[in-house]
């Protein structure tokens, strides 16, 4: 049984107020996944780490001029079929909520799982996503290790700047030390 809408409406609004599009049906998810370019899908949830960490961190990360071509969300426990369809696109990752998936031309290129969210604050999550916030300008150079970003996975911007996931992690750790 899905969560009552009046219970989760404020949790939905935290993301939709930031311009995130809701995907409430499997067809909505299909349409988003078939979109050209970069698609970010957030799996929203009622848990405390979604409330205090994930949603605020995602909103901060999206306060950039550059955003994915599509920024969308499903709500675990409410948009049940839509969430199932989104999670199929995130395989081989197990179901995780909250989570953030980044897809490029329909292919999963980055996954931020609950276990990574639980150990960070909102600012750290935003800082972790910000190097990826040049969403439209980054080309992923696969590590050859499946969908996971290995620490040495190259992220190359069109301007020629090269960063690796090590840089993203180091940036995140510097942010946490500063807090």
Foldseek 3Di string as FASTA:
>chain_A
DADDCVVCVVVVCLVVVLVAAEDQALVSLVVQLQDAFKEKEWAAEDDPLNVFAVSLLVSLLSPDPFATPHGYYYYPRHSPNNLVNVVVLVPPDDDAPGKMFMAHNNHTQEIGGPVNSVVAGSNLSSLLCNVCSNVRFWDWDDPPPPNYFDQATWIAGPVGDIDGNVVSVVSSVVVVVVD
